């Protein structure tokens, strides 16, 4: 699994899911991350998510669902200039 270093930019908020299913705002800063396929809640459908390591203020990881932020994540790691993410490596 390939790991990346990304910068979450300020401005329009990005949200991610905690392991317990809670949805919280991702704070603007640098994170290590990787892609995975996960099912959320009662829906068994696997969905692509970018897992931001240590992004939760409680110390855990946050999963940003690609289909919820497709404008920002489409083409990853080659992102549009107006994306809320910047790939650093």
N, C-alpha and C. Protein backbone atom coordinates (compact mmCIF):
# COMPACT_ATOMS: atom_id res chain seq x y z
N UNK A 1 0.84 -1.16 0.00
CA UNK A 1 0.00 0.00 0.00
C UNK A 1 0.90 1.24 0.00
N UNK A 2 0.67 2.12 -0.96
CA UNK A 2 1.48 3.33 -1.10
C UNK A 2 0.99 4.39 -0.12
N UNK A 3 1.93 4.99 0.57
CA UNK A 3 1.61 6.06 1.50
C UNK A 3 2.01 7.40 0.89
N UNK A 4 1.21 8.42 1.18
CA UNK A 4 1.45 9.76 0.67
C UNK A 4 1.54 10.73 1.83
N UNK A 5 2.09 11.91 1.55
CA UNK A 5 2.06 13.03 2.49
C UNK A 5 1.24 14.11 1.80
N UNK A 6 0.17 14.57 2.47
CA UNK A 6 -0.70 15.58 1.89
C UNK A 6 -0.84 16.77 2.82
N UNK A 7 -1.17 17.89 2.22
CA UNK A 7 -1.53 19.09 2.96
C UNK A 7 -3.02 19.30 2.74
N UNK A 8 -3.77 19.38 3.84
CA UNK A 8 -5.18 19.78 3.76
C UNK A 8 -5.17 21.29 3.91
N UNK A 9 -5.67 21.98 2.89
CA UNK A 9 -5.65 23.43 2.88
C UNK A 9 -6.81 24.00 3.70
N UNK A 10 -6.66 25.23 4.13
CA UNK A 10 -7.73 25.92 4.86
C UNK A 10 -8.84 26.35 3.92
N UNK A 11 -9.87 26.98 4.48
CA UNK A 11 -11.00 27.45 3.68
C UNK A 11 -12.19 26.52 3.84
N UNK A 12 -12.76 26.10 2.72
CA UNK A 12 -13.92 25.20 2.75
C UNK A 12 -13.58 23.94 3.52
N UNK A 13 -14.41 23.57 4.50
CA UNK A 13 -14.07 22.41 5.35
C UNK A 13 -14.13 21.06 4.64
N UNK A 14 -13.26 20.17 5.06
CA UNK A 14 -13.24 18.77 4.66
C UNK A 14 -13.63 17.98 5.90
N UNK A 15 -14.46 16.96 5.72
CA UNK A 15 -14.88 16.13 6.86
C UNK A 15 -14.43 14.69 6.65
N UNK A 16 -14.15 14.03 7.76
CA UNK A 16 -13.77 12.63 7.74
C UNK A 16 -14.51 11.86 8.81
N UNK A 17 -14.47 10.55 8.71
CA UNK A 17 -15.17 9.68 9.66
C UNK A 17 -14.19 9.03 10.63
N UNK A 18 -14.57 9.04 11.89
CA UNK A 18 -13.82 8.32 12.92
C UNK A 18 -14.16 6.84 12.83
N UNK A 19 -13.39 6.01 13.52
CA UNK A 19 -13.65 4.57 13.55
C UNK A 19 -15.03 4.27 14.12
N UNK A 20 -15.53 5.11 15.03
CA UNK A 20 -16.86 4.87 15.62
C UNK A 20 -17.99 5.39 14.76
N UNK A 21 -17.67 5.95 13.58
CA UNK A 21 -18.68 6.42 12.65
C UNK A 21 -18.98 7.91 12.76
N UNK A 22 -18.46 8.56 13.78
CA UNK A 22 -18.67 10.00 13.92
C UNK A 22 -17.99 10.77 12.80
N UNK A 23 -18.65 11.83 12.35
CA UNK A 23 -18.10 12.65 11.26
C UNK A 23 -17.60 13.96 11.85
N UNK A 24 -16.34 14.29 11.58
CA UNK A 24 -15.73 15.49 12.14
C UNK A 24 -14.93 16.23 11.07
N UNK A 25 -14.68 17.49 11.34
CA UNK A 25 -13.91 18.33 10.42
C UNK A 25 -12.43 17.94 10.48
N UNK A 26 -11.81 17.92 9.31
CA UNK A 26 -10.36 17.69 9.21
C UNK A 26 -9.68 19.05 9.30
N UNK A 27 -8.79 19.19 10.26
CA UNK A 27 -8.10 20.46 10.45
C UNK A 27 -7.02 20.64 9.38
N UNK A 28 -6.86 21.88 8.88
CA UNK A 28 -5.84 22.14 7.87
C UNK A 28 -4.44 21.94 8.44
N UNK A 29 -3.68 21.05 7.84
CA UNK A 29 -2.27 20.79 8.16
C UNK A 29 -1.80 19.62 7.32
N UNK A 30 -0.56 19.17 7.52
CA UNK A 30 -0.01 18.03 6.78
C UNK A 30 -0.36 16.71 7.47
N UNK A 31 -0.61 15.67 6.65
CA UNK A 31 -0.91 14.34 7.16
C UNK A 31 -0.24 13.29 6.28
N UNK A 32 0.12 12.16 6.86
CA UNK A 32 0.43 10.97 6.09
C UNK A 32 -0.91 10.30 5.82
N UNK A 33 -1.02 9.64 4.67
CA UNK A 33 -2.31 9.04 4.31
C UNK A 33 -2.11 7.88 3.33
N UNK A 34 -3.16 7.11 3.16
CA UNK A 34 -3.18 6.04 2.16
C UNK A 34 -4.62 5.75 1.79
N UNK A 35 -4.79 5.13 0.63
CA UNK A 35 -6.13 4.76 0.13
C UNK A 35 -6.52 3.39 0.66
N UNK A 36 -7.81 3.21 0.91
CA UNK A 36 -8.36 1.91 1.26
C UNK A 36 -9.81 1.85 0.82
N UNK A 37 -10.37 0.66 0.81
CA UNK A 37 -11.79 0.46 0.53
C UNK A 37 -12.45 0.02 1.81
N UNK A 38 -13.52 0.74 2.19
CA UNK A 38 -14.19 0.44 3.45
C UNK A 38 -15.70 0.48 3.27
N UNK A 39 -16.40 -0.22 4.15
CA UNK A 39 -17.86 -0.15 4.24
C UNK A 39 -18.19 0.64 5.49
N UNK A 40 -19.18 1.50 5.42
CA UNK A 40 -19.56 2.33 6.56
C UNK A 40 -20.95 1.93 7.05
N UNK A 41 -21.09 1.78 8.36
CA UNK A 41 -22.40 1.51 8.95
C UNK A 41 -23.00 0.19 8.49
N UNK A 42 -24.28 0.22 8.21
CA UNK A 42 -25.02 -0.99 7.81
C UNK A 42 -24.88 -1.31 6.32
N UNK A 43 -24.35 -0.38 5.55
CA UNK A 43 -24.19 -0.58 4.11
C UNK A 43 -22.92 -1.39 3.84
N UNK A 44 -23.04 -2.59 3.25
CA UNK A 44 -21.86 -3.43 3.01
C UNK A 44 -21.05 -3.02 1.77
N UNK A 45 -21.51 -2.00 1.05
CA UNK A 45 -20.82 -1.57 -0.16
C UNK A 45 -19.45 -0.98 0.17
N UNK A 46 -18.42 -1.50 -0.49
CA UNK A 46 -17.08 -0.96 -0.29
C UNK A 46 -16.94 0.36 -1.06
N UNK A 47 -16.38 1.36 -0.37
CA UNK A 47 -16.19 2.68 -0.96
C UNK A 47 -14.73 3.10 -0.76
N UNK A 48 -14.22 3.85 -1.72
CA UNK A 48 -12.85 4.34 -1.63
C UNK A 48 -12.77 5.47 -0.61
N UNK A 49 -11.73 5.41 0.22
CA UNK A 49 -11.52 6.45 1.23
C UNK A 49 -10.03 6.73 1.36
N UNK A 50 -9.72 7.98 1.64
CA UNK A 50 -8.36 8.39 1.94
C UNK A 50 -8.24 8.46 3.45
N UNK A 51 -7.42 7.57 4.03
CA UNK A 51 -7.25 7.53 5.48
C UNK A 51 -6.12 8.49 5.88
N UNK A 52 -6.48 9.50 6.66
CA UNK A 52 -5.52 10.49 7.16
C UNK A 52 -5.06 10.04 8.54
N UNK A 53 -3.79 9.72 8.65
CA UNK A 53 -3.25 9.14 9.88
C UNK A 53 -3.08 10.22 10.95
N UNK A 54 -3.69 9.96 12.11
CA UNK A 54 -3.59 10.88 13.24
C UNK A 54 -4.37 12.17 13.07
N UNK A 55 -5.33 12.20 12.17
CA UNK A 55 -6.08 13.43 11.90
C UNK A 55 -7.17 13.73 12.92
N UNK A 56 -7.59 12.73 13.67
CA UNK A 56 -8.64 12.93 14.67
C UNK A 56 -8.04 13.61 15.90
N UNK A 57 -8.71 14.60 16.42
CA UNK A 57 -8.20 15.31 17.61
C UNK A 57 -8.09 14.38 18.81
N UNK A 58 -8.76 13.23 18.76
CA UNK A 58 -8.68 12.24 19.84
C UNK A 58 -7.51 11.28 19.62
N UNK A 59 -6.75 11.46 18.56
CA UNK A 59 -5.55 10.67 18.32
C UNK A 59 -5.69 9.58 17.28
N UNK A 60 -6.89 9.35 16.78
CA UNK A 60 -7.09 8.30 15.78
C UNK A 60 -6.98 8.84 14.36
N UNK A 61 -7.34 7.99 13.43
CA UNK A 61 -7.31 8.33 12.01
C UNK A 61 -8.70 8.78 11.56
N UNK A 62 -8.74 9.50 10.44
CA UNK A 62 -10.01 9.89 9.83
C UNK A 62 -10.04 9.41 8.39
N UNK A 63 -11.21 8.93 7.96
CA UNK A 63 -11.40 8.46 6.59
C UNK A 63 -12.21 9.49 5.82
N UNK A 64 -11.62 10.04 4.76
CA UNK A 64 -12.31 10.99 3.89
C UNK A 64 -12.82 10.19 2.69
N UNK A 65 -14.14 10.14 2.54
CA UNK A 65 -14.74 9.33 1.48
C UNK A 65 -14.59 10.04 0.13
N UNK A 66 -14.05 9.30 -0.84
CA UNK A 66 -13.80 9.89 -2.16
C UNK A 66 -15.10 10.38 -2.81
N UNK A 67 -16.19 9.63 -2.66
CA UNK A 67 -17.43 10.05 -3.32
C UNK A 67 -18.05 11.29 -2.68
N UNK A 68 -17.66 11.63 -1.46
CA UNK A 68 -18.16 12.85 -0.82
C UNK A 68 -17.33 14.07 -1.19
N UNK A 69 -16.09 13.86 -1.59
CA UNK A 69 -15.19 14.95 -1.94
C UNK A 69 -14.52 14.68 -3.28
N UNK A 70 -15.32 14.23 -4.24
CA UNK A 70 -14.77 13.85 -5.55
C UNK A 70 -14.14 15.04 -6.27
N UNK A 71 -14.68 16.25 -6.11
CA UNK A 71 -14.08 17.42 -6.76
C UNK A 71 -12.65 17.65 -6.27
N UNK A 72 -12.38 17.27 -5.03
CA UNK A 72 -11.06 17.49 -4.45
C UNK A 72 -10.12 16.31 -4.64
N UNK A 73 -10.67 15.10 -4.79
CA UNK A 73 -9.84 13.90 -4.81
C UNK A 73 -9.72 13.21 -6.16
N UNK A 74 -10.56 13.59 -7.13
CA UNK A 74 -10.46 12.97 -8.46
C UNK A 74 -9.08 13.19 -9.06
N UNK A 75 -8.50 12.12 -9.57
CA UNK A 75 -7.20 12.18 -10.21
C UNK A 75 -6.01 12.03 -9.26
N UNK A 76 -6.30 11.80 -7.99
CA UNK A 76 -5.23 11.67 -6.98
C UNK A 76 -4.17 10.69 -7.47
N UNK A 77 -2.91 11.00 -7.42
CA UNK A 77 -2.25 12.11 -6.76
C UNK A 77 -2.07 13.38 -7.61
N UNK A 78 -2.53 13.35 -8.86
CA UNK A 78 -2.46 14.54 -9.72
C UNK A 78 -3.77 15.31 -9.54
N UNK A 79 -3.77 16.30 -8.65
CA UNK A 79 -4.99 17.01 -8.28
C UNK A 79 -5.08 18.36 -8.98
N UNK A 80 -6.32 18.86 -9.11
CA UNK A 80 -6.53 20.18 -9.67
C UNK A 80 -6.00 21.24 -8.72
N UNK A 81 -5.68 22.40 -9.24
CA UNK A 81 -5.10 23.46 -8.43
C UNK A 81 -6.06 23.99 -7.36
N UNK A 82 -7.38 23.85 -7.58
CA UNK A 82 -8.34 24.34 -6.59
C UNK A 82 -8.77 23.26 -5.59
N UNK A 83 -8.11 22.11 -5.60
CA UNK A 83 -8.40 21.04 -4.65
C UNK A 83 -8.06 21.49 -3.25
N UNK A 84 -8.77 20.98 -2.25
CA UNK A 84 -8.48 21.27 -0.84
C UNK A 84 -7.30 20.43 -0.34
N UNK A 85 -6.78 19.55 -1.20
CA UNK A 85 -5.63 18.72 -0.87
C UNK A 85 -4.46 19.07 -1.79
N UNK A 86 -3.26 18.97 -1.26
CA UNK A 86 -2.05 19.09 -2.06
C UNK A 86 -1.15 17.92 -1.71
N UNK A 87 -0.75 17.14 -2.71
CA UNK A 87 0.13 16.01 -2.48
C UNK A 87 1.56 16.54 -2.42
N UNK A 88 2.25 16.23 -1.32
CA UNK A 88 3.59 16.76 -1.09
C UNK A 88 4.70 15.82 -1.52
N UNK A 89 4.39 14.52 -1.72
CA UNK A 89 5.42 13.58 -2.16
C UNK A 89 4.91 12.69 -3.26
